[in-house]
Structure formats: C-alpha cells, structure tokens
N, C-alpha and C. Protein backbone atom coordinates (compact mmCIF):
# COMPACT_ATOMS: atom_id res chain seq x y z
N UNK A 1 0.38 -21.81 -14.79
CA UNK A 1 1.46 -20.85 -14.77
C UNK A 1 1.31 -19.94 -13.55
N UNK A 2 2.37 -19.79 -12.81
CA UNK A 2 2.34 -19.01 -11.57
C UNK A 2 2.31 -17.51 -11.86
N UNK A 3 1.52 -16.80 -11.09
CA UNK A 3 1.44 -15.35 -11.18
C UNK A 3 1.69 -14.77 -9.80
N UNK A 4 2.25 -13.58 -9.76
CA UNK A 4 2.52 -12.91 -8.50
C UNK A 4 1.62 -11.68 -8.38
N UNK A 5 0.95 -11.58 -7.26
CA UNK A 5 0.12 -10.43 -6.95
C UNK A 5 0.93 -9.61 -5.93
N UNK A 6 1.14 -8.31 -6.20
CA UNK A 6 1.94 -7.52 -5.27
C UNK A 6 1.39 -6.12 -5.09
N UNK A 7 1.71 -5.55 -3.94
CA UNK A 7 1.28 -4.21 -3.57
C UNK A 7 2.46 -3.45 -2.98
N UNK A 8 2.98 -2.44 -3.68
CA UNK A 8 4.04 -1.62 -3.08
C UNK A 8 3.44 -0.58 -2.14
N UNK A 9 4.08 -0.37 -1.00
CA UNK A 9 3.64 0.63 -0.04
C UNK A 9 4.71 1.72 0.07
N UNK A 10 4.35 2.98 -0.21
CA UNK A 10 5.34 4.06 -0.17
C UNK A 10 5.69 4.50 1.25
N UNK A 11 4.90 4.08 2.23
CA UNK A 11 5.13 4.51 3.61
C UNK A 11 5.15 3.31 4.54
N UNK A 12 5.45 3.55 5.80
CA UNK A 12 5.49 2.47 6.78
C UNK A 12 4.11 1.83 6.96
N UNK A 13 4.09 0.52 7.13
CA UNK A 13 2.84 -0.23 7.26
C UNK A 13 2.64 -0.57 8.73
N UNK A 14 1.43 -0.35 9.24
CA UNK A 14 1.15 -0.66 10.65
C UNK A 14 1.19 -2.17 10.88
N UNK A 15 1.43 -2.57 12.12
CA UNK A 15 1.48 -4.00 12.46
C UNK A 15 0.15 -4.68 12.18
N UNK A 16 -0.95 -3.98 12.41
CA UNK A 16 -2.27 -4.56 12.18
C UNK A 16 -2.50 -4.85 10.70
N UNK A 17 -2.12 -3.89 9.84
CA UNK A 17 -2.28 -4.09 8.39
C UNK A 17 -1.37 -5.21 7.91
N UNK A 18 -0.12 -5.23 8.39
CA UNK A 18 0.80 -6.31 8.02
C UNK A 18 0.23 -7.67 8.42
N UNK A 19 -0.29 -7.76 9.63
CA UNK A 19 -0.83 -9.04 10.09
C UNK A 19 -2.00 -9.49 9.22
N UNK A 20 -2.85 -8.54 8.81
CA UNK A 20 -3.97 -8.87 7.92
C UNK A 20 -3.45 -9.48 6.62
N UNK A 21 -2.44 -8.84 6.02
CA UNK A 21 -1.88 -9.36 4.77
C UNK A 21 -1.20 -10.71 4.99
N UNK A 22 -0.45 -10.86 6.08
CA UNK A 22 0.21 -12.14 6.37
C UNK A 22 -0.81 -13.25 6.53
N UNK A 23 -1.89 -12.96 7.23
CA UNK A 23 -2.96 -13.96 7.43
C UNK A 23 -3.65 -14.31 6.12
N UNK A 24 -3.55 -13.42 5.13
CA UNK A 24 -4.16 -13.66 3.81
C UNK A 24 -3.19 -14.31 2.84
N UNK A 25 -2.01 -14.74 3.33
CA UNK A 25 -1.05 -15.45 2.48
C UNK A 25 0.00 -14.57 1.84
N UNK A 26 0.04 -13.28 2.17
CA UNK A 26 1.04 -12.39 1.60
C UNK A 26 2.35 -12.50 2.38
N UNK A 27 3.43 -12.17 1.72
CA UNK A 27 4.75 -12.07 2.33
C UNK A 27 5.30 -10.70 2.01
N UNK A 28 6.36 -10.30 2.72
CA UNK A 28 6.89 -8.96 2.55
C UNK A 28 8.36 -8.99 2.18
N UNK A 29 8.75 -8.09 1.28
CA UNK A 29 10.14 -7.84 0.95
C UNK A 29 10.29 -6.33 0.91
N UNK A 30 10.87 -5.76 1.96
CA UNK A 30 10.97 -4.30 2.05
C UNK A 30 9.59 -3.70 2.17
N UNK A 31 9.25 -2.80 1.25
CA UNK A 31 7.93 -2.16 1.29
C UNK A 31 6.97 -2.77 0.28
N UNK A 32 7.25 -3.98 -0.18
CA UNK A 32 6.38 -4.66 -1.15
C UNK A 32 5.78 -5.91 -0.51
N UNK A 33 4.46 -6.01 -0.59
CA UNK A 33 3.74 -7.21 -0.14
C UNK A 33 3.39 -8.02 -1.38
N UNK A 34 3.58 -9.34 -1.34
CA UNK A 34 3.34 -10.16 -2.52
C UNK A 34 2.82 -11.54 -2.12
N UNK A 35 2.19 -12.23 -3.09
CA UNK A 35 1.79 -13.63 -2.94
C UNK A 35 1.56 -14.21 -4.33
N UNK A 36 1.62 -15.53 -4.42
CA UNK A 36 1.29 -16.17 -5.68
C UNK A 36 -0.22 -16.17 -5.83
N UNK A 37 -0.68 -15.99 -7.05
CA UNK A 37 -2.12 -15.90 -7.29
C UNK A 37 -2.41 -16.47 -8.67
N UNK A 38 -2.85 -17.71 -8.71
CA UNK A 38 -3.16 -18.37 -9.97
C UNK A 38 -4.66 -18.63 -10.07
N UNK A 39 -5.24 -18.28 -11.17
CA UNK A 39 -6.68 -18.45 -11.38
C UNK A 39 -7.06 -19.93 -11.30
N UNK A 40 -7.94 -20.27 -10.37
CA UNK A 40 -8.42 -21.64 -10.26
C UNK A 40 -7.46 -22.62 -9.61
N UNK A 41 -6.36 -22.13 -9.06
CA UNK A 41 -5.35 -23.02 -8.47
C UNK A 41 -5.11 -22.62 -7.02
N UNK A 42 -5.02 -23.61 -6.15
CA UNK A 42 -4.74 -23.36 -4.73
C UNK A 42 -3.54 -24.19 -4.26
N UNK A 43 -2.65 -24.58 -5.19
CA UNK A 43 -1.53 -25.44 -4.83
C UNK A 43 -0.43 -24.72 -4.07
N UNK A 44 -0.19 -23.45 -4.34
CA UNK A 44 0.87 -22.70 -3.66
C UNK A 44 0.44 -22.34 -2.25
N UNK A 45 1.29 -22.62 -1.30
CA UNK A 45 1.01 -22.31 0.10
C UNK A 45 2.12 -21.44 0.66
N UNK A 46 1.76 -20.49 1.51
CA UNK A 46 2.75 -19.64 2.18
C UNK A 46 2.91 -20.13 3.60
N UNK A 47 4.16 -20.21 4.03
CA UNK A 47 4.45 -20.61 5.39
C UNK A 47 5.33 -19.55 6.04
N UNK A 48 5.07 -19.29 7.31
CA UNK A 48 5.92 -18.40 8.09
C UNK A 48 6.55 -19.25 9.20
N UNK A 49 7.85 -19.11 9.34
CA UNK A 49 8.57 -19.84 10.38
C UNK A 49 8.97 -18.83 11.45
N UNK A 50 8.41 -18.97 12.67
CA UNK A 50 8.82 -18.07 13.75
C UNK A 50 10.26 -18.37 14.15
N UNK A 51 11.19 -17.51 13.77
CA UNK A 51 12.61 -17.78 13.96
C UNK A 51 13.01 -17.89 15.41
N UNK A 52 12.30 -17.21 16.30
CA UNK A 52 12.65 -17.30 17.72
C UNK A 52 12.29 -18.67 18.31
N UNK A 53 11.49 -19.45 17.60
CA UNK A 53 11.09 -20.78 18.07
C UNK A 53 11.70 -21.91 17.23
N UNK A 54 12.39 -21.57 16.16
CA UNK A 54 12.92 -22.57 15.23
C UNK A 54 14.18 -23.21 15.80
N UNK A 55 14.20 -24.54 15.82
CA UNK A 55 15.38 -25.30 16.23
C UNK A 55 15.73 -26.23 15.08
N UNK A 56 16.86 -25.97 14.40
CA UNK A 56 17.21 -26.82 13.25
C UNK A 56 17.63 -28.22 13.70
N UNK A 57 17.28 -29.20 12.88
CA UNK A 57 17.67 -30.59 13.15
C UNK A 57 19.16 -30.76 12.85
N UNK A 58 19.71 -31.91 13.22
CA UNK A 58 21.13 -32.19 12.94
C UNK A 58 21.41 -32.12 11.44
N UNK A 59 20.49 -32.70 10.65
CA UNK A 59 20.69 -32.70 9.20
C UNK A 59 20.71 -31.28 8.64
N UNK A 60 19.84 -30.42 9.15
CA UNK A 60 19.82 -29.03 8.67
C UNK A 60 21.08 -28.29 9.07
N UNK A 61 21.59 -28.56 10.25
CA UNK A 61 22.84 -27.93 10.68
C UNK A 61 24.00 -28.35 9.78
N UNK A 62 24.06 -29.65 9.45
CA UNK A 62 25.10 -30.15 8.55
C UNK A 62 24.99 -29.49 7.18
N UNK A 63 23.77 -29.39 6.68
CA UNK A 63 23.56 -28.77 5.38
C UNK A 63 23.97 -27.30 5.40
N UNK A 64 23.64 -26.60 6.46
CA UNK A 64 24.02 -25.19 6.58
C UNK A 64 25.54 -25.03 6.55
N UNK A 65 26.26 -25.92 7.25
CA UNK A 65 27.72 -25.86 7.23
C UNK A 65 28.25 -26.05 5.81
N UNK A 66 27.69 -27.02 5.08
CA UNK A 66 28.13 -27.26 3.70
C UNK A 66 27.86 -26.05 2.82
N UNK A 67 26.71 -25.41 3.01
CA UNK A 67 26.37 -24.23 2.21
C UNK A 67 27.32 -23.09 2.53
N UNK A 68 27.62 -22.88 3.81
CA UNK A 68 28.53 -21.80 4.19
C UNK A 68 29.92 -22.02 3.63
N UNK A 69 30.40 -23.27 3.65
CA UNK A 69 31.71 -23.58 3.08
C UNK A 69 31.69 -23.32 1.58
N UNK A 70 30.64 -23.74 0.90
CA UNK A 70 30.52 -23.53 -0.53
C UNK A 70 30.52 -22.03 -0.86
N UNK A 71 29.78 -21.23 -0.10
CA UNK A 71 29.75 -19.78 -0.32
C UNK A 71 31.14 -19.19 -0.14
N UNK A 72 31.87 -19.64 0.86
CA UNK A 72 33.21 -19.13 1.13
C UNK A 72 34.13 -19.45 -0.04
N UNK A 73 34.10 -20.68 -0.52
CA UNK A 73 34.94 -21.09 -1.65
C UNK A 73 34.58 -20.30 -2.90
N UNK A 74 33.29 -20.13 -3.16
CA UNK A 74 32.87 -19.37 -4.33
C UNK A 74 33.32 -17.93 -4.25
N UNK A 75 33.26 -17.32 -3.08
CA UNK A 75 33.70 -15.94 -2.91
C UNK A 75 35.19 -15.79 -3.16
N UNK A 76 35.97 -16.79 -2.77
CA UNK A 76 37.41 -16.74 -2.99
C UNK A 76 37.74 -16.79 -4.48
N UNK A 77 36.93 -17.47 -5.26
CA UNK A 77 37.21 -17.63 -6.69
C UNK A 77 36.78 -16.42 -7.51
N UNK A 78 35.92 -15.60 -6.99
CA UNK A 78 35.41 -14.45 -7.76
C UNK A 78 36.38 -13.32 -7.74
C-alpha cells in the first residue's frame, strides 16, 4: 500500500534545500514537498523532466492535440 511522506514549508525554500529534497526523491507542489514512502518497498521512482530540453515525439504531439480537443468539448458541455 502506497504512503505519502510530506513536509509543508511556511516560508520560501532556498534553491539549495530544494535541490537536496529533489535529489532525495521529493517533489514539490506549492509549499509542500512530498514523496512516496512504503516500508520495505523501492518500486516507486520519481522522475524530473527538464522542460527546457524536452522535445515531444510525433505520437505525443498527436496525443496532446486529442487531449486538448477533449478538454474543449468537455468544457462546452459543462
């Protein structure tokens, strides 16, 4: 069973501290750092994709177009 380990930060986090947590498998959402943490299990992996270096394949571009069209249609129906 998956568990989440998280740390809320009430103030701004320095780049050095953030990098330490990122290198330790944590991710950030706003001022909360989190990661999966299961006793005796190492199956969950965290990946960071450097967006400035990411180039989507043709298949991913096609999929993105389909998703955007679907979102548009769903918004019209709501």
